Amino acid sequence: MKALKTFLKKSLILLLVIALNHLNAVAMVVDNPTQNAWNGAKRA
């Protein structure tokens, strides 16, 4: 039973890390065109 709890805690942390990385990647993808547009506007 204790081993199961430890396992669940570890997988929960792992899921959180994966979710955070995923959100980071999504934010980067969303941010990239905005960044490019902003840089283009500054150059113009």
N, C-alpha and C. Protein backbone atom coordinates (compact mmCIF):
# COMPACT_ATOMS: atom_id res chain seq x y z
N MET A 1 0.83 -1.20 0.00
CA MET A 1 0.00 0.00 0.00
C MET A 1 0.87 1.26 0.00
N LYS A 2 1.90 1.25 0.83
CA LYS A 2 2.79 2.41 0.89
C LYS A 2 3.52 2.61 -0.44
N ALA A 3 3.91 1.49 -1.04
CA ALA A 3 4.61 1.56 -2.32
C ALA A 3 3.70 2.17 -3.38
N LEU A 4 2.42 1.82 -3.32
CA LEU A 4 1.46 2.35 -4.29
C LEU A 4 1.33 3.86 -4.14
N LYS A 5 1.26 4.32 -2.90
CA LYS A 5 1.15 5.76 -2.64
C LYS A 5 2.37 6.49 -3.17
N THR A 6 3.54 5.93 -2.93
CA THR A 6 4.78 6.54 -3.41
C THR A 6 4.76 6.61 -4.94
N PHE A 7 4.31 5.51 -5.55
CA PHE A 7 4.25 5.44 -7.01
C PHE A 7 3.29 6.50 -7.56
N LEU A 8 2.14 6.63 -6.91
CA LEU A 8 1.15 7.61 -7.35
C LEU A 8 1.69 9.03 -7.23
N LYS A 9 2.39 9.29 -6.14
CA LYS A 9 2.98 10.62 -5.94
C LYS A 9 3.99 10.92 -7.03
N LYS A 10 4.83 9.93 -7.34
CA LYS A 10 5.88 10.13 -8.35
C LYS A 10 5.26 10.36 -9.73
N SER A 11 4.25 9.57 -10.06
CA SER A 11 3.64 9.72 -11.39
C SER A 11 2.89 11.04 -11.48
N LEU A 12 2.35 11.50 -10.35
CA LEU A 12 1.65 12.78 -10.33
C LEU A 12 2.63 13.92 -10.62
N ILE A 13 3.79 13.86 -9.98
CA ILE A 13 4.84 14.87 -10.18
C ILE A 13 5.30 14.83 -11.64
N LEU A 14 5.45 13.61 -12.16
CA LEU A 14 5.89 13.44 -13.55
C LEU A 14 4.87 14.06 -14.50
N LEU A 15 3.59 13.80 -14.21
CA LEU A 15 2.52 14.36 -15.04
C LEU A 15 2.54 15.88 -15.00
N LEU A 16 2.78 16.42 -13.83
CA LEU A 16 2.84 17.88 -13.67
C LEU A 16 3.97 18.45 -14.51
N VAL A 17 5.12 17.80 -14.45
CA VAL A 17 6.29 18.26 -15.20
C VAL A 17 6.00 18.22 -16.70
N ILE A 18 5.39 17.12 -17.14
CA ILE A 18 5.05 16.98 -18.56
C ILE A 18 4.05 18.05 -18.98
N ALA A 19 3.06 18.28 -18.12
CA ALA A 19 2.04 19.28 -18.42
C ALA A 19 2.67 20.67 -18.53
N LEU A 20 3.58 20.97 -17.61
CA LEU A 20 4.25 22.28 -17.62
C LEU A 20 5.08 22.44 -18.89
N ASN A 21 5.81 21.38 -19.26
CA ASN A 21 6.62 21.44 -20.47
C ASN A 21 5.75 21.65 -21.69
N HIS A 22 4.59 20.96 -21.70
CA HIS A 22 3.66 21.06 -22.82
C HIS A 22 3.14 22.49 -22.93
N LEU A 23 2.77 23.06 -21.78
CA LEU A 23 2.26 24.43 -21.77
C LEU A 23 3.33 25.40 -22.25
N ASN A 24 4.56 25.14 -21.84
CA ASN A 24 5.68 25.98 -22.25
C ASN A 24 5.84 25.95 -23.77
N ALA A 25 5.76 24.75 -24.34
CA ALA A 25 5.91 24.58 -25.78
C ALA A 25 4.78 25.30 -26.51
N VAL A 26 3.56 25.16 -25.99
CA VAL A 26 2.40 25.82 -26.60
C VAL A 26 2.57 27.34 -26.54
N ALA A 27 3.03 27.83 -25.39
CA ALA A 27 3.23 29.26 -25.22
C ALA A 27 4.27 29.77 -26.21
N MET A 28 5.31 28.99 -26.43
CA MET A 28 6.37 29.38 -27.37
C MET A 28 5.81 29.46 -28.78
N VAL A 29 5.02 28.46 -29.16
CA VAL A 29 4.45 28.41 -30.51
C VAL A 29 3.51 29.59 -30.72
N VAL A 30 2.72 29.89 -29.69
CA VAL A 30 1.78 31.01 -29.79
C VAL A 30 2.55 32.33 -29.80
N ASP A 31 3.61 32.38 -29.02
CA ASP A 31 4.37 33.61 -28.85
C ASP A 31 5.22 33.94 -30.08
N ASN A 32 5.64 32.92 -30.80
CA ASN A 32 6.57 33.11 -31.90
C ASN A 32 6.05 34.04 -33.00
N PRO A 33 4.86 33.80 -33.54
CA PRO A 33 4.36 34.72 -34.58
C PRO A 33 4.21 36.14 -34.06
N THR A 34 3.77 36.26 -32.81
CA THR A 34 3.62 37.59 -32.20
C THR A 34 4.97 38.27 -32.14
N GLN A 35 5.97 37.51 -31.72
CA GLN A 35 7.33 38.04 -31.61
C GLN A 35 7.83 38.48 -32.98
N ASN A 36 7.60 37.64 -33.98
CA ASN A 36 8.04 37.95 -35.33
C ASN A 36 7.35 39.20 -35.86
N ALA A 37 6.06 39.30 -35.61
CA ALA A 37 5.29 40.47 -36.07
C ALA A 37 5.81 41.72 -35.38
N TRP A 38 6.09 41.60 -34.09
CA TRP A 38 6.58 42.74 -33.31
C TRP A 38 7.94 43.19 -33.84
N ASN A 39 8.83 42.21 -34.11
CA ASN A 39 10.15 42.55 -34.63
C ASN A 39 10.03 43.20 -36.01
N GLY A 40 9.13 42.68 -36.82
CA GLY A 40 8.91 43.24 -38.15
C GLY A 40 8.40 44.66 -38.06
N ALA A 41 7.51 44.91 -37.12
CA ALA A 41 6.93 46.24 -36.95
C ALA A 41 8.00 47.22 -36.47
N LYS A 42 8.90 46.73 -35.63
CA LYS A 42 9.96 47.60 -35.12
C LYS A 42 10.93 47.97 -36.23
N ARG A 43 11.18 47.02 -37.14
CA ARG A 43 12.11 47.26 -38.24
C ARG A 43 11.52 48.23 -39.25
N ALA A 44 10.24 48.14 -39.46
CA ALA A 44 9.57 48.93 -40.51
C ALA A 44 9.67 50.43 -40.25
